[in-house]
Amino acid sequence: MYFNRKCKITFICNGATIFSEDDRFTDSESYPPLSDAGLEEIEKICEFLKIRGIKNDKIYTSPALRSTQSAGMIAKSFKQEFEIVDDLHPRKCGKFNGLTFEQIEDKYPDALEKLINYPDIGTPDDAESVTDFIARVKTSIDKIIEDNLGGRIIIVTHKDIIKAAICSALNMPDKSLHRIYIKTGSATQISYFERWSSLVYCDYTPM
């Protein structure tokens, strides 16, 4: 039926790292870990999830250290385990790795425009295109939904994964990804129905 909900997913963005302050690109799975500020953000998220009474049947996480650390804290608060989804790894950003938007604009101004406005082209040349990235994320989330029909799921992951999920759920153009803002330590919830999806709330950050 049109209003038959398949799954409700609460996406939690991993806590802050030393790269977060400057909004640096990174595709590393082993570095950086959560900073003290990031640990505090996830502690607040754990409190938020309990106060809101958000129930879940399963907790999934991206494989990068900053996400598994965050997921471990959340899973502990629920007295549950978590499962790593390898295909939810960060978007491969090639030689942009470790750089800020400002540094990219300074060193590769043409490439920055291409990255933002031509999502189907891998930019830089050794990076995963935004279009391919969004498709990869959609495939992973679709599988999680099919494995948990009727369930309530928590996915602890990176801001770009959440932005990709929003683009897919709302059928937004791929180049919209860089126009969505997601903070570290924030919560976003999407309900997935048989024929459509609903963004319940986005980028909520507990104070």
N, C-alpha and C. Protein backbone atom coordinates (compact mmCIF):
# COMPACT_ATOMS: atom_id res chain seq x y z
N MET A 1 0.83 -1.20 0.00
CA MET A 1 0.00 0.00 0.00
C MET A 1 0.87 1.25 0.00
N TYR A 2 0.28 2.35 -0.43
CA TYR A 2 1.02 3.60 -0.59
C TYR A 2 1.62 4.08 0.73
N PHE A 3 0.87 3.91 1.83
CA PHE A 3 1.33 4.40 3.12
C PHE A 3 1.89 3.29 4.01
N ASN A 4 2.25 2.18 3.43
CA ASN A 4 2.83 1.08 4.18
C ASN A 4 4.32 1.35 4.40
N ARG A 5 4.68 1.66 5.63
CA ARG A 5 6.07 1.98 5.90
C ARG A 5 6.94 0.73 5.91
N LYS A 6 8.03 0.80 5.17
CA LYS A 6 8.96 -0.33 5.10
C LYS A 6 9.98 -0.30 6.23
N CYS A 7 10.44 0.89 6.58
CA CYS A 7 11.50 0.99 7.58
C CYS A 7 11.65 2.45 8.01
N LYS A 8 12.02 2.65 9.26
CA LYS A 8 12.37 3.99 9.74
C LYS A 8 13.85 3.96 10.14
N ILE A 9 14.63 4.90 9.59
CA ILE A 9 16.06 4.94 9.88
C ILE A 9 16.42 6.27 10.54
N THR A 10 17.08 6.17 11.67
CA THR A 10 17.66 7.35 12.31
C THR A 10 19.15 7.34 12.00
N PHE A 11 19.60 8.32 11.24
CA PHE A 11 21.00 8.45 10.88
C PHE A 11 21.70 9.34 11.92
N ILE A 12 22.77 8.86 12.47
CA ILE A 12 23.57 9.64 13.41
C ILE A 12 24.91 9.96 12.75
N CYS A 13 25.23 11.24 12.66
CA CYS A 13 26.53 11.63 12.11
C CYS A 13 27.59 11.45 13.19
N ASN A 14 28.71 10.83 12.81
CA ASN A 14 29.77 10.60 13.78
C ASN A 14 30.20 11.90 14.47
N GLY A 15 30.80 11.78 15.64
CA GLY A 15 31.26 12.94 16.38
C GLY A 15 32.42 13.64 15.70
N ALA A 16 32.76 14.81 16.21
CA ALA A 16 33.79 15.65 15.62
C ALA A 16 35.18 15.02 15.73
N THR A 17 36.04 15.40 14.79
CA THR A 17 37.45 15.01 14.79
C THR A 17 38.29 16.27 14.59
N ILE A 18 39.60 16.10 14.55
CA ILE A 18 40.44 17.28 14.32
C ILE A 18 40.25 17.84 12.91
N PHE A 19 39.64 17.06 12.00
CA PHE A 19 39.38 17.54 10.65
C PHE A 19 38.07 18.33 10.57
N SER A 20 37.21 18.18 11.57
CA SER A 20 35.87 18.75 11.49
C SER A 20 35.86 20.28 11.54
N GLU A 21 36.75 20.86 12.34
CA GLU A 21 36.76 22.31 12.50
C GLU A 21 36.95 23.02 11.17
N ASP A 22 37.80 22.46 10.29
CA ASP A 22 38.08 23.08 9.00
C ASP A 22 37.28 22.44 7.86
N ASP A 23 36.42 21.47 8.20
CA ASP A 23 35.61 20.78 7.20
C ASP A 23 36.50 20.19 6.09
N ARG A 24 37.50 19.43 6.50
CA ARG A 24 38.44 18.85 5.54
C ARG A 24 37.87 17.59 4.89
N PHE A 25 38.21 17.39 3.63
CA PHE A 25 37.89 16.15 2.94
C PHE A 25 38.74 15.03 3.55
N THR A 26 38.14 13.88 3.73
CA THR A 26 38.92 12.71 4.14
C THR A 26 38.20 11.43 3.72
N ASP A 27 38.97 10.49 3.18
CA ASP A 27 38.40 9.19 2.87
C ASP A 27 39.10 8.09 3.67
N SER A 28 39.93 8.50 4.64
CA SER A 28 40.63 7.53 5.47
C SER A 28 39.66 6.85 6.43
N GLU A 29 39.82 5.56 6.61
CA GLU A 29 38.97 4.82 7.54
C GLU A 29 39.64 4.66 8.91
N SER A 30 40.94 4.90 8.98
CA SER A 30 41.66 4.68 10.23
C SER A 30 42.03 5.97 10.97
N TYR A 31 41.81 7.13 10.32
CA TYR A 31 42.21 8.41 10.91
C TYR A 31 41.35 9.52 10.30
N PRO A 32 40.99 10.54 11.11
CA PRO A 32 41.29 10.73 12.53
C PRO A 32 40.23 10.09 13.42
N PRO A 33 40.58 9.84 14.70
CA PRO A 33 39.59 9.36 15.66
C PRO A 33 38.75 10.52 16.18
N LEU A 34 37.78 10.21 17.02
CA LEU A 34 36.98 11.26 17.64
C LEU A 34 37.85 12.15 18.53
N SER A 35 37.58 13.44 18.49
CA SER A 35 38.23 14.37 19.40
C SER A 35 37.45 14.40 20.72
N ASP A 36 37.94 15.13 21.70
CA ASP A 36 37.20 15.28 22.96
C ASP A 36 35.83 15.89 22.70
N ALA A 37 35.78 16.86 21.78
CA ALA A 37 34.50 17.48 21.43
C ALA A 37 33.56 16.45 20.79
N GLY A 38 34.14 15.56 19.96
CA GLY A 38 33.34 14.53 19.31
C GLY A 38 32.76 13.54 20.31
N LEU A 39 33.56 13.15 21.29
CA LEU A 39 33.08 12.25 22.34
C LEU A 39 31.91 12.89 23.10
N GLU A 40 32.04 14.19 23.38
CA GLU A 40 30.97 14.90 24.08
C GLU A 40 29.70 14.97 23.22
N GLU A 41 29.87 15.18 21.92
CA GLU A 41 28.70 15.23 21.02
C GLU A 41 27.94 13.90 21.04
N ILE A 42 28.66 12.80 21.01
CA ILE A 42 27.98 11.50 20.98
C ILE A 42 27.35 11.19 22.33
N GLU A 43 27.95 11.63 23.42
CA GLU A 43 27.31 11.48 24.72
C GLU A 43 25.95 12.19 24.74
N LYS A 44 25.91 13.38 24.14
CA LYS A 44 24.65 14.12 24.08
C LYS A 44 23.64 13.43 23.17
N ILE A 45 24.13 12.83 22.08
CA ILE A 45 23.24 12.09 21.18
C ILE A 45 22.64 10.89 21.91
N CYS A 46 23.45 10.20 22.71
CA CYS A 46 22.94 9.06 23.48
C CYS A 46 21.82 9.50 24.41
N GLU A 47 22.00 10.64 25.07
CA GLU A 47 20.97 11.18 25.95
C GLU A 47 19.71 11.52 25.16
N PHE A 48 19.91 12.15 23.99
CA PHE A 48 18.79 12.52 23.13
C PHE A 48 17.98 11.29 22.71
N LEU A 49 18.67 10.23 22.29
CA LEU A 49 17.99 9.01 21.84
C LEU A 49 17.16 8.40 22.97
N LYS A 50 17.69 8.45 24.20
CA LYS A 50 16.96 7.90 25.34
C LYS A 50 15.77 8.77 25.72
N ILE A 51 15.99 10.10 25.76
CA ILE A 51 14.91 11.02 26.13
C ILE A 51 13.77 10.95 25.12
N ARG A 52 14.13 10.89 23.83
CA ARG A 52 13.10 10.81 22.78
C ARG A 52 12.43 9.45 22.73
N GLY A 53 13.01 8.49 23.42
CA GLY A 53 12.45 7.13 23.40
C GLY A 53 12.57 6.49 22.04
N ILE A 54 13.63 6.83 21.31
CA ILE A 54 13.82 6.27 19.97
C ILE A 54 14.19 4.80 20.10
N LYS A 55 13.32 3.95 19.58
CA LYS A 55 13.56 2.53 19.65
C LYS A 55 14.28 2.08 18.38
N ASN A 56 15.00 0.98 18.49
CA ASN A 56 15.66 0.45 17.30
C ASN A 56 15.79 -1.06 17.41
N ASP A 57 15.74 -1.70 16.26
CA ASP A 57 15.90 -3.14 16.19
C ASP A 57 17.33 -3.54 15.89
N LYS A 58 18.08 -2.61 15.30
CA LYS A 58 19.45 -2.93 14.93
C LYS A 58 20.24 -1.63 14.76
N ILE A 59 21.55 -1.72 15.03
CA ILE A 59 22.44 -0.57 14.85
C ILE A 59 23.51 -0.94 13.83
N TYR A 60 23.61 -0.12 12.79
CA TYR A 60 24.63 -0.31 11.76
C TYR A 60 25.61 0.85 11.81
N THR A 61 26.80 0.64 11.27
CA THR A 61 27.77 1.72 11.22
C THR A 61 28.66 1.62 9.99
N SER A 62 29.16 2.76 9.56
CA SER A 62 30.21 2.79 8.54
C SER A 62 31.49 2.23 9.16
N PRO A 63 32.44 1.78 8.32
CA PRO A 63 33.64 1.12 8.86
C PRO A 63 34.71 2.04 9.42
N ALA A 64 34.68 3.33 9.11
CA ALA A 64 35.74 4.23 9.56
C ALA A 64 35.75 4.34 11.08
N LEU A 65 36.94 4.54 11.64
CA LEU A 65 37.13 4.58 13.08
C LEU A 65 36.22 5.58 13.76
N ARG A 66 36.07 6.78 13.20
CA ARG A 66 35.25 7.81 13.82
C ARG A 66 33.78 7.40 13.94
N SER A 67 33.34 6.54 13.00
CA SER A 67 31.97 6.04 13.07
C SER A 67 31.84 4.85 14.03
N THR A 68 32.80 3.93 14.00
CA THR A 68 32.71 2.77 14.89
C THR A 68 32.85 3.20 16.35
N GLN A 69 33.68 4.23 16.60
CA GLN A 69 33.77 4.76 17.97
C GLN A 69 32.41 5.32 18.41
N SER A 70 31.79 6.09 17.53
CA SER A 70 30.48 6.68 17.83
C SER A 70 29.43 5.58 18.02
N ALA A 71 29.45 4.60 17.13
CA ALA A 71 28.48 3.50 17.20
C ALA A 71 28.66 2.70 18.48
N GLY A 72 29.91 2.51 18.91
CA GLY A 72 30.16 1.77 20.13
C GLY A 72 29.52 2.43 21.35
N MET A 73 29.61 3.75 21.40
CA MET A 73 29.00 4.49 22.51
C MET A 73 27.48 4.38 22.48
N ILE A 74 26.91 4.50 21.28
CA ILE A 74 25.45 4.41 21.14
C ILE A 74 24.96 3.00 21.45
N ALA A 75 25.67 2.01 20.92
CA ALA A 75 25.28 0.61 21.16
C ALA A 75 25.35 0.29 22.65
N LYS A 76 26.36 0.79 23.33
CA LYS A 76 26.50 0.54 24.77
C LYS A 76 25.32 1.12 25.54
N SER A 77 24.85 2.32 25.12
CA SER A 77 23.73 2.94 25.82
C SER A 77 22.44 2.15 25.63
N PHE A 78 22.34 1.41 24.51
CA PHE A 78 21.17 0.57 24.26
C PHE A 78 21.39 -0.88 24.69
N LYS A 79 22.62 -1.18 25.16
CA LYS A 79 22.98 -2.55 25.54
C LYS A 79 22.80 -3.50 24.36
N GLN A 80 23.27 -3.04 23.20
CA GLN A 80 23.18 -3.81 21.97
C GLN A 80 24.56 -3.91 21.33
N GLU A 81 24.63 -4.69 20.26
CA GLU A 81 25.82 -4.76 19.43
C GLU A 81 25.57 -3.89 18.20
N PHE A 82 26.62 -3.66 17.42
CA PHE A 82 26.44 -2.97 16.14
C PHE A 82 27.10 -3.77 15.04
N GLU A 83 26.63 -3.52 13.82
CA GLU A 83 27.14 -4.24 12.64
C GLU A 83 27.76 -3.25 11.66
N ILE A 84 28.97 -3.56 11.18
CA ILE A 84 29.67 -2.69 10.23
C ILE A 84 29.20 -3.00 8.81
N VAL A 85 28.89 -1.95 8.06
CA VAL A 85 28.50 -2.08 6.65
C VAL A 85 29.65 -1.51 5.81
N ASP A 86 30.42 -2.40 5.20
CA ASP A 86 31.63 -1.98 4.50
C ASP A 86 31.35 -1.01 3.35
N ASP A 87 30.21 -1.18 2.67
CA ASP A 87 29.91 -0.33 1.51
C ASP A 87 29.51 1.09 1.90
N LEU A 88 29.40 1.37 3.20
CA LEU A 88 29.13 2.74 3.64
C LEU A 88 30.42 3.47 4.00
N HIS A 89 31.51 3.07 3.34
CA HIS A 89 32.78 3.76 3.57
C HIS A 89 32.72 5.16 2.96
N PRO A 90 33.59 6.08 3.42
CA PRO A 90 33.57 7.45 2.90
C PRO A 90 33.80 7.50 1.39
N ARG A 91 33.31 8.58 0.77
CA ARG A 91 33.56 8.76 -0.66
C ARG A 91 35.04 8.95 -0.92
N LYS A 92 35.58 8.22 -1.87
CA LYS A 92 36.99 8.36 -2.22
C LYS A 92 37.21 9.73 -2.85
N CYS A 93 38.06 10.54 -2.22
CA CYS A 93 38.23 11.93 -2.69
C CYS A 93 39.60 12.18 -3.31
N GLY A 94 40.41 11.14 -3.52
CA GLY A 94 41.66 11.29 -4.26
C GLY A 94 42.61 12.31 -3.65
N LYS A 95 43.18 13.15 -4.50
CA LYS A 95 44.17 14.12 -4.04
C LYS A 95 43.58 15.27 -3.25
N PHE A 96 42.24 15.31 -3.14
CA PHE A 96 41.59 16.30 -2.27
C PHE A 96 41.67 15.88 -0.80
N ASN A 97 42.11 14.65 -0.55
CA ASN A 97 42.13 14.13 0.82
C ASN A 97 42.96 15.03 1.74
N GLY A 98 42.36 15.44 2.86
CA GLY A 98 43.02 16.28 3.84
C GLY A 98 42.91 17.77 3.59
N LEU A 99 42.32 18.16 2.45
CA LEU A 99 42.21 19.58 2.10
C LEU A 99 40.86 20.15 2.49
N THR A 100 40.81 21.47 2.72
CA THR A 100 39.56 22.17 2.94
C THR A 100 39.01 22.66 1.59
N PHE A 101 37.75 23.09 1.59
CA PHE A 101 37.18 23.68 0.37
C PHE A 101 38.00 24.89 -0.06
N GLU A 102 38.44 25.70 0.92
CA GLU A 102 39.21 26.90 0.60
C GLU A 102 40.54 26.54 -0.06
N GLN A 103 41.20 25.51 0.44
CA GLN A 103 42.47 25.09 -0.15
C GLN A 103 42.28 24.53 -1.55
N ILE A 104 41.19 23.81 -1.76
CA ILE A 104 40.90 23.28 -3.09
C ILE A 104 40.60 24.42 -4.05
N GLU A 105 39.83 25.40 -3.59
CA GLU A 105 39.51 26.55 -4.45
C GLU A 105 40.78 27.30 -4.83
N ASP A 106 41.73 27.37 -3.91
CA ASP A 106 42.98 28.06 -4.18
C ASP A 106 43.89 27.28 -5.13
N LYS A 107 43.99 25.97 -4.93
CA LYS A 107 44.91 25.16 -5.71
C LYS A 107 44.29 24.60 -7.00
N TYR A 108 42.98 24.28 -6.93
CA TYR A 108 42.31 23.65 -8.08
C TYR A 108 40.96 24.30 -8.33
N PRO A 109 40.91 25.59 -8.68
CA PRO A 109 39.63 26.29 -8.82
C PRO A 109 38.69 25.66 -9.85
N ASP A 110 39.23 25.21 -10.96
CA ASP A 110 38.38 24.58 -11.98
C ASP A 110 37.81 23.26 -11.49
N ALA A 111 38.62 22.53 -10.73
CA ALA A 111 38.18 21.24 -10.22
C ALA A 111 37.06 21.40 -9.20
N LEU A 112 37.12 22.45 -8.39
CA LEU A 112 36.07 22.67 -7.41
C LEU A 112 34.73 22.93 -8.09
N GLU A 113 34.74 23.75 -9.14
CA GLU A 113 33.50 24.00 -9.88
C GLU A 113 32.96 22.71 -10.49
N LYS A 114 33.86 21.89 -11.02
CA LYS A 114 33.45 20.62 -11.62
C LYS A 114 32.85 19.69 -10.56
N LEU A 115 33.48 19.65 -9.38
CA LEU A 115 32.99 18.80 -8.30
C LEU A 115 31.56 19.17 -7.90
N ILE A 116 31.29 20.47 -7.83
CA ILE A 116 29.98 20.94 -7.37
C ILE A 116 28.92 20.84 -8.46
N ASN A 117 29.28 21.16 -9.69
CA ASN A 117 28.27 21.28 -10.75
C ASN A 117 28.19 20.10 -11.72
N TYR A 118 29.18 19.20 -11.69
CA TYR A 118 29.17 18.06 -12.60
C TYR A 118 29.39 16.78 -11.79
N PRO A 119 28.34 16.36 -11.07
CA PRO A 119 28.49 15.25 -10.13
C PRO A 119 28.79 13.91 -10.78
N ASP A 120 28.52 13.77 -12.08
CA ASP A 120 28.75 12.48 -12.75
C ASP A 120 30.20 12.29 -13.15
N ILE A 121 31.02 13.32 -12.96
CA ILE A 121 32.45 13.24 -13.32
C ILE A 121 33.27 13.07 -12.04
N GLY A 122 34.15 12.08 -12.01
CA GLY A 122 35.03 11.90 -10.87
C GLY A 122 35.98 13.08 -10.75
N THR A 123 35.90 13.81 -9.64
CA THR A 123 36.72 15.02 -9.45
C THR A 123 37.34 15.01 -8.06
N PRO A 124 38.68 15.00 -7.98
CA PRO A 124 39.66 14.95 -9.08
C PRO A 124 39.62 13.60 -9.80
N ASP A 125 40.54 13.40 -10.72
CA ASP A 125 40.47 12.22 -11.58
C ASP A 125 40.56 10.91 -10.80
N ASP A 126 41.20 10.94 -9.64
CA ASP A 126 41.35 9.71 -8.86
C ASP A 126 40.29 9.58 -7.77
N ALA A 127 39.18 10.31 -7.91
CA ALA A 127 38.12 10.29 -6.90
C ALA A 127 36.88 9.56 -7.43
N GLU A 128 36.02 9.18 -6.51
CA GLU A 128 34.72 8.60 -6.84
C GLU A 128 33.77 9.74 -7.19
N SER A 129 33.04 9.62 -8.29
CA SER A 129 32.12 10.69 -8.65
C SER A 129 30.98 10.76 -7.63
N VAL A 130 30.40 11.93 -7.49
CA VAL A 130 29.28 12.12 -6.57
C VAL A 130 28.11 11.23 -6.97
N THR A 131 27.85 11.14 -8.27
CA THR A 131 26.75 10.30 -8.75
C THR A 131 26.97 8.84 -8.38
N ASP A 132 28.18 8.33 -8.59
CA ASP A 132 28.47 6.94 -8.23
C ASP A 132 28.38 6.75 -6.72
N PHE A 133 28.82 7.75 -5.97
CA PHE A 133 28.77 7.68 -4.51
C PHE A 133 27.33 7.60 -4.02
N ILE A 134 26.46 8.46 -4.53
CA ILE A 134 25.05 8.45 -4.13
C ILE A 134 24.41 7.11 -4.48
N ALA A 135 24.73 6.58 -5.66
CA ALA A 135 24.19 5.28 -6.07
C ALA A 135 24.67 4.18 -5.14
N ARG A 136 25.94 4.23 -4.75
CA ARG A 136 26.49 3.21 -3.83
C ARG A 136 25.77 3.26 -2.48
N VAL A 137 25.59 4.47 -1.97
CA VAL A 137 24.91 4.62 -0.69
C VAL A 137 23.47 4.11 -0.78
N LYS A 138 22.78 4.46 -1.87
CA LYS A 138 21.39 4.00 -2.05
C LYS A 138 21.31 2.47 -2.06
N THR A 139 22.23 1.84 -2.77
CA THR A 139 22.23 0.38 -2.83
C THR A 139 22.40 -0.23 -1.44
N SER A 140 23.31 0.34 -0.65
CA SER A 140 23.55 -0.17 0.71
C SER A 140 22.33 0.03 1.60
N ILE A 141 21.73 1.21 1.52
CA ILE A 141 20.56 1.49 2.36
C ILE A 141 19.36 0.64 1.94
N ASP A 142 19.18 0.47 0.63
CA ASP A 142 18.09 -0.38 0.15
C ASP A 142 18.22 -1.79 0.69
N LYS A 143 19.44 -2.30 0.74
CA LYS A 143 19.65 -3.66 1.27
C LYS A 143 19.34 -3.71 2.76
N ILE A 144 19.77 -2.68 3.51
CA ILE A 144 19.46 -2.63 4.94
C ILE A 144 17.95 -2.61 5.15
N ILE A 145 17.23 -1.84 4.34
CA ILE A 145 15.77 -1.76 4.46
C ILE A 145 15.14 -3.11 4.18
N GLU A 146 15.57 -3.77 3.10
CA GLU A 146 14.99 -5.07 2.74
C GLU A 146 15.28 -6.13 3.80
N ASP A 147 16.41 -5.98 4.49
CA ASP A 147 16.76 -6.93 5.55
C ASP A 147 16.04 -6.64 6.86
N ASN A 148 15.38 -5.47 6.93
CA ASN A 148 14.73 -5.06 8.18
C ASN A 148 13.34 -4.49 7.94
N LEU A 149 12.57 -5.15 7.09
CA LEU A 149 11.24 -4.65 6.76
C LEU A 149 10.38 -4.51 8.02
N GLY A 150 9.78 -3.33 8.17
CA GLY A 150 8.96 -3.05 9.33
C GLY A 150 9.78 -2.64 10.55
N GLY A 151 11.09 -2.56 10.40
CA GLY A 151 11.95 -2.29 11.54
C GLY A 151 12.28 -0.82 11.73
N ARG A 152 12.95 -0.56 12.84
CA ARG A 152 13.46 0.77 13.18
C ARG A 152 14.96 0.63 13.39
N ILE A 153 15.71 1.37 12.58
CA ILE A 153 17.16 1.16 12.48
C ILE A 153 17.90 2.44 12.85
N ILE A 154 19.08 2.27 13.44
CA ILE A 154 20.01 3.38 13.61
C ILE A 154 21.23 3.10 12.73
N ILE A 155 21.63 4.09 11.94
CA ILE A 155 22.86 3.99 11.15
C ILE A 155 23.78 5.12 11.58
N VAL A 156 24.95 4.76 12.10
CA VAL A 156 25.95 5.74 12.52
C VAL A 156 26.95 5.87 11.38
N THR A 157 27.10 7.09 10.86
CA THR A 157 27.87 7.23 9.64
C THR A 157 28.39 8.66 9.48
N HIS A 158 28.87 8.96 8.27
CA HIS A 158 29.49 10.25 7.98
C HIS A 158 28.48 11.23 7.39
N LYS A 159 28.83 12.50 7.46
CA LYS A 159 27.90 13.52 6.97
C LYS A 159 27.58 13.34 5.48
N ASP A 160 28.57 12.98 4.65
CA ASP A 160 28.30 12.84 3.23
C ASP A 160 27.40 11.64 2.95
N ILE A 161 27.50 10.57 3.74
CA ILE A 161 26.60 9.43 3.58
C ILE A 161 25.17 9.87 3.87
N ILE A 162 24.99 10.66 4.91
CA ILE A 162 23.65 11.14 5.27
C ILE A 162 23.11 12.07 4.19
N LYS A 163 23.97 12.94 3.66
CA LYS A 163 23.56 13.83 2.57
C LYS A 163 23.15 13.03 1.34
N ALA A 164 23.89 11.97 1.05
CA ALA A 164 23.55 11.10 -0.09
C ALA A 164 22.22 10.40 0.14
N ALA A 165 21.98 9.97 1.37
CA ALA A 165 20.71 9.31 1.70
C ALA A 165 19.54 10.27 1.52
N ILE A 166 19.72 11.52 1.91
CA ILE A 166 18.67 12.53 1.74
C ILE A 166 18.40 12.77 0.26
N CYS A 167 19.47 12.91 -0.53
CA CYS A 167 19.30 13.12 -1.97
C CYS A 167 18.49 11.98 -2.59
N SER A 168 18.81 10.75 -2.23
CA SER A 168 18.10 9.59 -2.79
C SER A 168 16.65 9.54 -2.32
N ALA A 169 16.46 9.75 -1.01
CA ALA A 169 15.11 9.63 -0.45
C ALA A 169 14.15 10.66 -1.03
N LEU A 170 14.64 11.86 -1.29
CA LEU A 170 13.78 12.95 -1.78
C LEU A 170 13.90 13.17 -3.28
N ASN A 171 14.61 12.27 -3.97
CA ASN A 171 14.80 12.38 -5.42
C ASN A 171 15.38 13.74 -5.82
N MET A 172 16.34 14.20 -5.07
CA MET A 172 16.99 15.47 -5.36
C MET A 172 18.10 15.26 -6.39
N PRO A 173 18.42 16.28 -7.19
CA PRO A 173 19.53 16.15 -8.14
C PRO A 173 20.83 15.85 -7.40
N ASP A 174 21.70 15.08 -8.06
CA ASP A 174 22.96 14.67 -7.42
C ASP A 174 23.81 15.86 -6.99
N LYS A 175 23.77 16.95 -7.76
CA LYS A 175 24.60 18.10 -7.41
C LYS A 175 24.09 18.84 -6.17
N SER A 176 22.94 18.41 -5.63
CA SER A 176 22.44 19.01 -4.40
C SER A 176 23.23 18.55 -3.18
N LEU A 177 24.00 17.49 -3.32
CA LEU A 177 24.70 16.92 -2.17
C LEU A 177 25.52 17.97 -1.42
N HIS A 178 26.26 18.79 -2.15
CA HIS A 178 27.13 19.78 -1.51
C HIS A 178 26.37 20.98 -0.98
N ARG A 179 25.06 21.02 -1.22
CA ARG A 179 24.24 22.13 -0.72
C ARG A 179 23.48 21.75 0.55
N ILE A 180 23.66 20.52 1.00
CA ILE A 180 23.03 20.05 2.24
C ILE A 180 24.06 20.16 3.36
N TYR A 181 23.63 20.67 4.50
CA TYR A 181 24.56 20.83 5.63
C TYR A 181 24.19 19.86 6.73
N ILE A 182 25.15 19.04 7.14
CA ILE A 182 24.97 18.10 8.24
C ILE A 182 26.12 18.31 9.23
N LYS A 183 25.79 18.51 10.48
CA LYS A 183 26.81 18.72 11.50
C LYS A 183 27.23 17.39 12.12
N THR A 184 28.45 17.37 12.67
CA THR A 184 28.86 16.20 13.44
C THR A 184 27.99 16.09 14.69
N GLY A 185 27.77 14.85 15.13
CA GLY A 185 26.97 14.64 16.33
C GLY A 185 25.52 15.02 16.19
N SER A 186 24.99 14.93 14.97
CA SER A 186 23.60 15.30 14.73
C SER A 186 22.77 14.07 14.36
N ALA A 187 21.45 14.23 14.43
CA ALA A 187 20.52 13.14 14.10
C ALA A 187 19.61 13.56 12.96
N THR A 188 19.39 12.64 12.03
CA THR A 188 18.49 12.84 10.89
C THR A 188 17.63 11.59 10.77
N GLN A 189 16.34 11.76 10.59
CA GLN A 189 15.46 10.58 10.50
C GLN A 189 14.68 10.58 9.19
N ILE A 190 14.66 9.42 8.54
CA ILE A 190 13.93 9.23 7.29
C ILE A 190 13.03 8.01 7.43
N SER A 191 11.76 8.16 7.05
CA SER A 191 10.84 7.03 6.98
C SER A 191 10.72 6.60 5.53
N TYR A 192 10.89 5.32 5.29
CA TYR A 192 10.84 4.76 3.94
C TYR A 192 9.54 3.98 3.77
N PHE A 193 8.75 4.38 2.77
CA PHE A 193 7.47 3.74 2.49
C PHE A 193 7.59 2.94 1.19
N GLU A 194 6.52 2.28 0.82
CA GLU A 194 6.53 1.43 -0.37
C GLU A 194 6.88 2.21 -1.63
N ARG A 195 6.34 3.42 -1.76
CA ARG A 195 6.51 4.17 -3.01
C ARG A 195 7.13 5.55 -2.83
N TRP A 196 7.49 5.90 -1.62
CA TRP A 196 8.07 7.22 -1.38
C TRP A 196 8.78 7.22 -0.04
N SER A 197 9.48 8.31 0.25
CA SER A 197 10.19 8.45 1.52
C SER A 197 9.90 9.82 2.11
N SER A 198 9.97 9.93 3.43
CA SER A 198 9.68 11.18 4.12
C SER A 198 10.84 11.54 5.04
N LEU A 199 11.34 12.77 4.90
CA LEU A 199 12.37 13.29 5.79
C LEU A 199 11.67 13.82 7.04
N VAL A 200 11.80 13.11 8.14
CA VAL A 200 11.07 13.46 9.37
C VAL A 200 11.72 14.66 10.05
N TYR A 201 13.03 14.60 10.24
CA TYR A 201 13.80 15.75 10.71
C TYR A 201 15.23 15.59 10.25
N CYS A 202 15.98 16.69 10.26
CA CYS A 202 17.31 16.69 9.66
C CYS A 202 18.29 17.51 10.49
N ASP A 203 19.49 16.97 10.73
CA ASP A 203 20.59 17.71 11.34
C ASP A 203 20.25 18.24 12.72
N TYR A 204 19.48 17.45 13.49
CA TYR A 204 19.16 17.90 14.85
C TYR A 204 20.38 17.66 15.75
N THR A 205 20.80 18.71 16.43
CA THR A 205 21.96 18.61 17.31
C THR A 205 21.54 18.92 18.74
N PRO A 206 21.60 17.94 19.64
CA PRO A 206 21.22 18.19 21.04
C PRO A 206 22.15 19.24 21.67
N MET A 207 21.58 20.10 22.49
CA MET A 207 22.35 21.14 23.18
C MET A 207 22.74 20.67 24.58
